[in-house]
Amino acid sequence: MVASGRDPKATKVVEVMTKPVISADPEMSLEEAGHLMLNNRIKKLPVLHPRMAARSWASSASRT
């Protein structure tokens, strides 16, 4: 954010978020989630349960 010249205090999430939101289902395999992240060039992936808000974040940094 700072590198792009945006003020983090004044910038709304909607201005910088991926549209549409890219997320994983808890039943998705790690391989499927990895492909989703690679294909969309994202480093973090919210894991959403159909009846709940974001439960956790999958990060490409945590893969070994």
N, C-alpha and C. Protein backbone atom coordinates (compact mmCIF):
# COMPACT_ATOMS: atom_id res chain seq x y z
N MET A 1 0.82 -1.18 0.00
CA MET A 1 0.00 0.00 0.00
C MET A 1 0.86 1.25 0.00
N VAL A 2 1.79 1.33 0.91
CA VAL A 2 2.63 2.51 1.00
C VAL A 2 3.45 2.67 -0.28
N ALA A 3 3.96 1.55 -0.81
CA ALA A 3 4.74 1.60 -2.04
C ALA A 3 3.92 2.12 -3.21
N SER A 4 2.62 1.89 -3.20
CA SER A 4 1.76 2.35 -4.29
C SER A 4 1.33 3.81 -4.10
N GLY A 5 1.76 4.43 -3.02
CA GLY A 5 1.44 5.82 -2.77
C GLY A 5 0.10 6.05 -2.08
N ARG A 6 -0.54 4.98 -1.64
CA ARG A 6 -1.84 5.10 -0.97
C ARG A 6 -1.64 5.29 0.53
N ASP A 7 -2.49 6.10 1.11
CA ASP A 7 -2.49 6.31 2.55
C ASP A 7 -3.31 5.20 3.19
N PRO A 8 -2.69 4.31 3.98
CA PRO A 8 -3.42 3.19 4.57
C PRO A 8 -4.57 3.63 5.48
N LYS A 9 -4.46 4.79 6.08
CA LYS A 9 -5.53 5.27 6.97
C LYS A 9 -6.73 5.79 6.18
N ALA A 10 -6.51 6.23 4.94
CA ALA A 10 -7.59 6.82 4.15
C ALA A 10 -8.13 5.88 3.07
N THR A 11 -7.41 4.79 2.80
CA THR A 11 -7.81 3.87 1.73
C THR A 11 -8.78 2.83 2.26
N LYS A 12 -9.87 2.65 1.57
CA LYS A 12 -10.88 1.64 1.93
C LYS A 12 -10.49 0.30 1.32
N VAL A 13 -10.82 -0.77 2.00
CA VAL A 13 -10.52 -2.12 1.53
C VAL A 13 -11.08 -2.35 0.13
N VAL A 14 -12.27 -1.87 -0.12
CA VAL A 14 -12.92 -2.07 -1.42
C VAL A 14 -12.10 -1.49 -2.57
N GLU A 15 -11.25 -0.51 -2.27
CA GLU A 15 -10.43 0.12 -3.31
C GLU A 15 -9.26 -0.76 -3.74
N VAL A 16 -8.84 -1.71 -2.91
CA VAL A 16 -7.66 -2.51 -3.22
C VAL A 16 -7.92 -4.02 -3.23
N MET A 17 -9.13 -4.43 -2.90
CA MET A 17 -9.43 -5.86 -2.83
C MET A 17 -9.57 -6.49 -4.21
N THR A 18 -9.37 -7.79 -4.26
CA THR A 18 -9.60 -8.56 -5.48
C THR A 18 -11.10 -8.64 -5.71
N LYS A 19 -11.52 -8.41 -6.93
CA LYS A 19 -12.94 -8.48 -7.26
C LYS A 19 -13.10 -9.44 -8.42
N PRO A 20 -13.91 -10.45 -8.33
CA PRO A 20 -14.62 -10.89 -7.13
C PRO A 20 -13.65 -11.49 -6.12
N VAL A 21 -14.08 -11.60 -4.89
CA VAL A 21 -13.25 -12.19 -3.84
C VAL A 21 -12.93 -13.64 -4.22
N ILE A 22 -11.66 -13.99 -4.14
CA ILE A 22 -11.22 -15.35 -4.44
C ILE A 22 -11.05 -16.07 -3.11
N SER A 23 -11.74 -17.18 -2.94
CA SER A 23 -11.68 -17.90 -1.67
C SER A 23 -11.70 -19.40 -1.91
N ALA A 24 -11.35 -20.13 -0.85
CA ALA A 24 -11.34 -21.59 -0.90
C ALA A 24 -12.45 -22.13 -0.01
N ASP A 25 -12.90 -23.32 -0.33
CA ASP A 25 -13.86 -24.05 0.47
C ASP A 25 -13.07 -24.96 1.41
N PRO A 26 -13.51 -25.17 2.65
CA PRO A 26 -12.78 -26.04 3.57
C PRO A 26 -12.56 -27.45 3.04
N GLU A 27 -13.42 -27.92 2.15
CA GLU A 27 -13.30 -29.28 1.61
C GLU A 27 -12.37 -29.35 0.40
N MET A 28 -11.87 -28.22 -0.07
CA MET A 28 -10.97 -28.18 -1.22
C MET A 28 -9.63 -28.79 -0.83
N SER A 29 -9.00 -29.51 -1.75
CA SER A 29 -7.69 -30.08 -1.46
C SER A 29 -6.63 -28.98 -1.46
N LEU A 30 -5.51 -29.24 -0.80
CA LEU A 30 -4.41 -28.28 -0.81
C LEU A 30 -3.90 -28.04 -2.22
N GLU A 31 -3.92 -29.08 -3.03
CA GLU A 31 -3.48 -28.94 -4.42
C GLU A 31 -4.40 -27.97 -5.17
N GLU A 32 -5.72 -28.13 -4.99
CA GLU A 32 -6.68 -27.23 -5.64
C GLU A 32 -6.48 -25.79 -5.17
N ALA A 33 -6.29 -25.62 -3.87
CA ALA A 33 -6.08 -24.28 -3.32
C ALA A 33 -4.79 -23.67 -3.87
N GLY A 34 -3.75 -24.48 -3.97
CA GLY A 34 -2.48 -24.02 -4.53
C GLY A 34 -2.63 -23.55 -5.96
N HIS A 35 -3.35 -24.33 -6.75
CA HIS A 35 -3.59 -23.95 -8.15
C HIS A 35 -4.39 -22.65 -8.22
N LEU A 36 -5.38 -22.52 -7.35
CA LEU A 36 -6.19 -21.31 -7.32
C LEU A 36 -5.32 -20.09 -7.03
N MET A 37 -4.40 -20.25 -6.08
CA MET A 37 -3.51 -19.16 -5.73
C MET A 37 -2.55 -18.83 -6.87
N LEU A 38 -1.98 -19.86 -7.48
CA LEU A 38 -1.05 -19.63 -8.59
C LEU A 38 -1.75 -19.01 -9.79
N ASN A 39 -2.89 -19.55 -10.16
CA ASN A 39 -3.61 -19.06 -11.33
C ASN A 39 -4.09 -17.62 -11.18
N ASN A 40 -4.34 -17.21 -9.94
CA ASN A 40 -4.83 -15.85 -9.69
C ASN A 40 -3.74 -14.93 -9.17
N ARG A 41 -2.52 -15.46 -9.08
CA ARG A 41 -1.36 -14.67 -8.64
C ARG A 41 -1.62 -13.99 -7.30
N ILE A 42 -2.09 -14.79 -6.34
CA ILE A 42 -2.34 -14.27 -5.00
C ILE A 42 -1.51 -15.06 -4.00
N LYS A 43 -1.18 -14.44 -2.88
CA LYS A 43 -0.34 -15.08 -1.87
C LYS A 43 -1.13 -15.51 -0.64
N LYS A 44 -2.33 -15.02 -0.50
CA LYS A 44 -3.17 -15.39 0.64
C LYS A 44 -4.54 -15.77 0.11
N LEU A 45 -5.16 -16.73 0.77
CA LEU A 45 -6.44 -17.24 0.30
C LEU A 45 -7.38 -17.45 1.49
N PRO A 46 -8.46 -16.67 1.59
CA PRO A 46 -9.39 -16.90 2.69
C PRO A 46 -10.12 -18.23 2.50
N VAL A 47 -10.25 -18.97 3.59
CA VAL A 47 -10.98 -20.23 3.56
C VAL A 47 -12.34 -19.95 4.19
N LEU A 48 -13.39 -20.08 3.38
CA LEU A 48 -14.73 -19.74 3.85
C LEU A 48 -15.61 -20.96 3.99
N HIS A 49 -16.28 -21.05 5.09
CA HIS A 49 -17.26 -22.10 5.32
C HIS A 49 -18.59 -21.55 4.83
N PRO A 50 -19.40 -22.36 4.18
CA PRO A 50 -20.67 -21.85 3.65
C PRO A 50 -21.55 -21.13 4.66
N ARG A 51 -21.48 -21.50 5.93
CA ARG A 51 -22.35 -20.88 6.94
C ARG A 51 -21.61 -19.96 7.90
N MET A 52 -20.35 -19.71 7.63
CA MET A 52 -19.56 -18.90 8.55
C MET A 52 -18.75 -17.85 7.79
N ALA A 53 -18.23 -16.88 8.51
CA ALA A 53 -17.34 -15.88 7.92
C ALA A 53 -15.97 -16.52 7.72
N ALA A 54 -15.01 -15.74 7.34
CA ALA A 54 -13.66 -16.26 7.10
C ALA A 54 -13.18 -17.02 8.34
N ARG A 55 -12.69 -18.23 8.13
CA ARG A 55 -12.24 -19.06 9.25
C ARG A 55 -10.74 -19.00 9.41
N SER A 56 -10.04 -18.97 8.30
CA SER A 56 -8.59 -18.96 8.38
C SER A 56 -8.01 -18.47 7.07
N TRP A 57 -6.75 -18.27 7.07
CA TRP A 57 -6.06 -17.83 5.85
C TRP A 57 -5.01 -18.87 5.48
N ALA A 58 -4.99 -19.19 4.21
CA ALA A 58 -3.95 -20.07 3.70
C ALA A 58 -2.91 -19.15 3.07
N SER A 59 -1.69 -19.35 3.39
CA SER A 59 -0.64 -18.48 2.87
C SER A 59 0.38 -19.29 2.10
N SER A 60 0.77 -18.78 0.96
CA SER A 60 1.78 -19.47 0.17
C SER A 60 3.11 -19.48 0.93
N ALA A 61 3.29 -18.56 1.85
CA ALA A 61 4.52 -18.51 2.62
C ALA A 61 4.62 -19.69 3.58
N SER A 62 3.49 -20.29 3.95
CA SER A 62 3.51 -21.40 4.90
C SER A 62 3.73 -22.74 4.24
N ARG A 63 3.70 -22.79 2.89
CA ARG A 63 3.92 -24.06 2.20
C ARG A 63 5.40 -24.41 2.22
N THR A 64 5.70 -25.68 2.44
CA THR A 64 7.10 -26.10 2.46
C THR A 64 7.35 -27.14 1.41
